[in-house]
Amino acid sequence: MGSAAFRADDVAAATAEILEVVELATRLAAPAHGRTVREVFLMWRVAFLPGVLMPASASPEVVKRHFRQYAHALERALDR
């Protein structure tokens, strides 16, 4: 998710592409298990995002701001 986020110029376009890739990956990885894109997003948000966004994180503010934008954009897209 991080690489995709930083290679794109447009958050909205990249969000759609990220969701498409994650959906395909969930189908390829475990078709019988059926993880949803929402579940993968929630795991990313809980397992990875706090380490970037915590005040004690060494991540620069520009990185934190960027990841917040993507987290909000992905959440909005999944709520549709």
N, C-alpha and C. Protein backbone atom coordinates (compact mmCIF):
# COMPACT_ATOMS: atom_id res chain seq x y z
N MET A 1 0.82 -1.18 0.00
CA MET A 1 0.00 0.00 0.00
C MET A 1 0.88 1.25 0.00
N GLY A 2 1.93 1.23 0.78
CA GLY A 2 2.80 2.40 0.86
C GLY A 2 3.45 2.75 -0.46
N SER A 3 3.96 1.76 -1.17
CA SER A 3 4.60 2.02 -2.46
C SER A 3 3.61 2.58 -3.45
N ALA A 4 2.43 2.00 -3.49
CA ALA A 4 1.41 2.49 -4.41
C ALA A 4 1.03 3.92 -4.09
N ALA A 5 0.94 4.22 -2.83
CA ALA A 5 0.54 5.56 -2.41
C ALA A 5 1.57 6.61 -2.82
N PHE A 6 2.83 6.29 -2.72
CA PHE A 6 3.84 7.30 -3.00
C PHE A 6 4.21 7.40 -4.47
N ARG A 7 3.81 6.45 -5.27
CA ARG A 7 4.11 6.52 -6.70
C ARG A 7 3.04 7.26 -7.48
N ALA A 8 1.91 7.49 -6.87
CA ALA A 8 0.79 8.12 -7.57
C ALA A 8 0.72 9.61 -7.25
N ASP A 9 0.26 10.36 -8.24
CA ASP A 9 0.07 11.80 -8.03
C ASP A 9 -1.34 12.13 -7.56
N ASP A 10 -2.29 11.30 -7.94
CA ASP A 10 -3.70 11.56 -7.65
C ASP A 10 -4.24 10.54 -6.65
N VAL A 11 -4.62 11.01 -5.47
CA VAL A 11 -5.08 10.12 -4.40
C VAL A 11 -6.32 9.34 -4.84
N ALA A 12 -7.28 10.00 -5.48
CA ALA A 12 -8.52 9.33 -5.89
C ALA A 12 -8.25 8.21 -6.89
N ALA A 13 -7.44 8.49 -7.90
CA ALA A 13 -7.13 7.47 -8.90
C ALA A 13 -6.35 6.32 -8.28
N ALA A 14 -5.38 6.65 -7.46
CA ALA A 14 -4.58 5.60 -6.82
C ALA A 14 -5.42 4.76 -5.87
N THR A 15 -6.37 5.38 -5.19
CA THR A 15 -7.24 4.65 -4.28
C THR A 15 -8.01 3.58 -5.03
N ALA A 16 -8.58 3.93 -6.16
CA ALA A 16 -9.32 2.96 -6.96
C ALA A 16 -8.41 1.82 -7.41
N GLU A 17 -7.21 2.15 -7.83
CA GLU A 17 -6.26 1.12 -8.26
C GLU A 17 -5.83 0.23 -7.10
N ILE A 18 -5.58 0.82 -5.95
CA ILE A 18 -5.19 0.03 -4.77
C ILE A 18 -6.29 -0.96 -4.42
N LEU A 19 -7.53 -0.49 -4.40
CA LEU A 19 -8.65 -1.38 -4.07
C LEU A 19 -8.79 -2.50 -5.09
N GLU A 20 -8.58 -2.19 -6.36
CA GLU A 20 -8.66 -3.21 -7.41
C GLU A 20 -7.58 -4.27 -7.22
N VAL A 21 -6.37 -3.85 -6.94
CA VAL A 21 -5.25 -4.78 -6.75
C VAL A 21 -5.46 -5.63 -5.50
N VAL A 22 -5.91 -5.01 -4.41
CA VAL A 22 -6.14 -5.77 -3.17
C VAL A 22 -7.25 -6.78 -3.37
N GLU A 23 -8.30 -6.39 -4.09
CA GLU A 23 -9.38 -7.34 -4.36
C GLU A 23 -8.88 -8.54 -5.16
N LEU A 24 -8.09 -8.29 -6.18
CA LEU A 24 -7.52 -9.38 -6.97
C LEU A 24 -6.61 -10.25 -6.12
N ALA A 25 -5.78 -9.63 -5.30
CA ALA A 25 -4.86 -10.39 -4.44
C ALA A 25 -5.62 -11.27 -3.45
N THR A 26 -6.73 -10.77 -2.91
CA THR A 26 -7.49 -11.59 -1.96
C THR A 26 -8.09 -12.80 -2.66
N ARG A 27 -8.52 -12.62 -3.90
CA ARG A 27 -9.08 -13.76 -4.64
C ARG A 27 -8.00 -14.77 -5.02
N LEU A 28 -6.82 -14.30 -5.36
CA LEU A 28 -5.74 -15.20 -5.75
C LEU A 28 -5.13 -15.92 -4.54
N ALA A 29 -5.00 -15.22 -3.44
CA ALA A 29 -4.33 -15.78 -2.27
C ALA A 29 -5.13 -16.87 -1.59
N ALA A 30 -6.40 -16.66 -1.45
CA ALA A 30 -7.22 -17.62 -0.71
C ALA A 30 -8.66 -17.57 -1.20
N PRO A 31 -8.91 -18.12 -2.37
CA PRO A 31 -10.27 -18.04 -2.91
C PRO A 31 -11.31 -18.71 -2.02
N ALA A 32 -10.92 -19.76 -1.33
CA ALA A 32 -11.88 -20.47 -0.47
C ALA A 32 -12.14 -19.71 0.83
N HIS A 33 -11.13 -18.99 1.30
CA HIS A 33 -11.28 -18.26 2.57
C HIS A 33 -12.14 -17.02 2.40
N GLY A 34 -11.97 -16.34 1.29
CA GLY A 34 -12.81 -15.21 0.97
C GLY A 34 -12.62 -13.96 1.80
N ARG A 35 -11.37 -13.61 2.09
CA ARG A 35 -11.13 -12.32 2.76
C ARG A 35 -11.66 -11.21 1.87
N THR A 36 -12.25 -10.23 2.50
CA THR A 36 -12.76 -9.11 1.73
C THR A 36 -11.73 -7.98 1.71
N VAL A 37 -11.90 -7.08 0.77
CA VAL A 37 -11.02 -5.92 0.69
C VAL A 37 -11.15 -5.10 1.97
N ARG A 38 -12.36 -5.00 2.51
CA ARG A 38 -12.57 -4.26 3.76
C ARG A 38 -11.76 -4.89 4.89
N GLU A 39 -11.73 -6.22 4.98
CA GLU A 39 -10.95 -6.88 6.04
C GLU A 39 -9.46 -6.58 5.90
N VAL A 40 -8.98 -6.61 4.67
CA VAL A 40 -7.56 -6.31 4.43
C VAL A 40 -7.26 -4.87 4.81
N PHE A 41 -8.14 -3.96 4.44
CA PHE A 41 -7.96 -2.56 4.81
C PHE A 41 -7.94 -2.39 6.33
N LEU A 42 -8.86 -3.04 7.02
CA LEU A 42 -8.90 -2.93 8.48
C LEU A 42 -7.63 -3.48 9.12
N MET A 43 -7.12 -4.59 8.57
CA MET A 43 -5.86 -5.14 9.09
C MET A 43 -4.71 -4.15 8.89
N TRP A 44 -4.65 -3.54 7.70
CA TRP A 44 -3.61 -2.55 7.41
C TRP A 44 -3.73 -1.37 8.36
N ARG A 45 -4.96 -0.91 8.56
CA ARG A 45 -5.19 0.25 9.41
C ARG A 45 -4.80 -0.02 10.86
N VAL A 46 -5.05 -1.23 11.33
CA VAL A 46 -4.76 -1.58 12.72
C VAL A 46 -3.30 -2.00 12.91
N ALA A 47 -2.74 -2.75 11.97
CA ALA A 47 -1.39 -3.31 12.15
C ALA A 47 -0.27 -2.37 11.69
N PHE A 48 -0.51 -1.57 10.67
CA PHE A 48 0.56 -0.78 10.08
C PHE A 48 0.44 0.72 10.37
N LEU A 49 -0.73 1.25 10.18
CA LEU A 49 -0.92 2.69 10.24
C LEU A 49 -0.54 3.33 11.58
N PRO A 50 -0.86 2.73 12.71
CA PRO A 50 -0.46 3.36 13.98
C PRO A 50 1.04 3.58 14.11
N GLY A 51 1.83 2.65 13.59
CA GLY A 51 3.28 2.80 13.66
C GLY A 51 3.79 4.00 12.89
N VAL A 52 3.06 4.39 11.86
CA VAL A 52 3.44 5.56 11.07
C VAL A 52 2.90 6.84 11.69
N LEU A 53 1.68 6.78 12.21
CA LEU A 53 0.99 8.00 12.65
C LEU A 53 1.20 8.38 14.11
N MET A 54 1.70 7.48 14.92
CA MET A 54 1.88 7.80 16.35
C MET A 54 2.82 8.99 16.51
N PRO A 55 2.56 9.83 17.50
CA PRO A 55 3.43 10.99 17.73
C PRO A 55 4.90 10.62 17.91
N ALA A 56 5.18 9.47 18.49
CA ALA A 56 6.56 9.05 18.71
C ALA A 56 7.22 8.47 17.46
N SER A 57 6.46 8.31 16.39
CA SER A 57 6.98 7.75 15.15
C SER A 57 8.05 8.66 14.55
N ALA A 58 9.03 8.04 13.94
CA ALA A 58 10.09 8.80 13.28
C ALA A 58 9.68 9.26 11.88
N SER A 59 8.47 8.91 11.47
CA SER A 59 7.98 9.29 10.15
C SER A 59 7.85 10.81 10.04
N PRO A 60 8.33 11.38 8.95
CA PRO A 60 8.17 12.82 8.74
C PRO A 60 6.69 13.20 8.62
N GLU A 61 6.37 14.43 8.93
CA GLU A 61 4.98 14.90 8.87
C GLU A 61 4.38 14.73 7.48
N VAL A 62 5.17 14.93 6.45
CA VAL A 62 4.65 14.78 5.09
C VAL A 62 4.19 13.33 4.85
N VAL A 63 4.91 12.37 5.38
CA VAL A 63 4.53 10.96 5.25
C VAL A 63 3.26 10.69 6.04
N LYS A 64 3.19 11.20 7.24
CA LYS A 64 1.98 11.01 8.06
C LYS A 64 0.76 11.59 7.36
N ARG A 65 0.92 12.81 6.83
CA ARG A 65 -0.19 13.46 6.14
C ARG A 65 -0.63 12.65 4.93
N HIS A 66 0.34 12.13 4.19
CA HIS A 66 0.06 11.32 3.00
C HIS A 66 -0.72 10.05 3.37
N PHE A 67 -0.27 9.35 4.39
CA PHE A 67 -0.96 8.12 4.80
C PHE A 67 -2.35 8.41 5.35
N ARG A 68 -2.52 9.53 6.03
CA ARG A 68 -3.86 9.91 6.50
C ARG A 68 -4.80 10.13 5.32
N GLN A 69 -4.30 10.81 4.28
CA GLN A 69 -5.12 11.04 3.09
C GLN A 69 -5.58 9.71 2.49
N TYR A 70 -4.66 8.78 2.36
CA TYR A 70 -5.01 7.48 1.79
C TYR A 70 -5.95 6.69 2.69
N ALA A 71 -5.72 6.73 3.98
CA ALA A 71 -6.61 6.01 4.90
C ALA A 71 -8.03 6.54 4.78
N HIS A 72 -8.18 7.85 4.74
CA HIS A 72 -9.52 8.44 4.61
C HIS A 72 -10.13 8.13 3.25
N ALA A 73 -9.34 8.24 2.19
CA ALA A 73 -9.85 7.97 0.85
C ALA A 73 -10.27 6.51 0.70
N LEU A 74 -9.47 5.59 1.22
CA LEU A 74 -9.82 4.17 1.15
C LEU A 74 -11.08 3.88 1.96
N GLU A 75 -11.18 4.47 3.12
CA GLU A 75 -12.37 4.26 3.95
C GLU A 75 -13.63 4.76 3.23
N ARG A 76 -13.55 5.95 2.64
CA ARG A 76 -14.70 6.49 1.90
C ARG A 76 -15.08 5.59 0.74
N ALA A 77 -14.08 5.12 0.01
CA ALA A 77 -14.35 4.25 -1.14
C ALA A 77 -14.99 2.94 -0.71
N LEU A 78 -14.56 2.40 0.41
CA LEU A 78 -15.13 1.14 0.89
C LEU A 78 -16.52 1.32 1.48
N ASP A 79 -16.86 2.52 1.90
CA ASP A 79 -18.18 2.78 2.47
C ASP A 79 -19.26 2.93 1.39
N ARG A 80 -18.86 3.07 0.15
CA ARG A 80 -19.85 3.23 -0.94
C ARG A 80 -20.53 1.95 -1.25
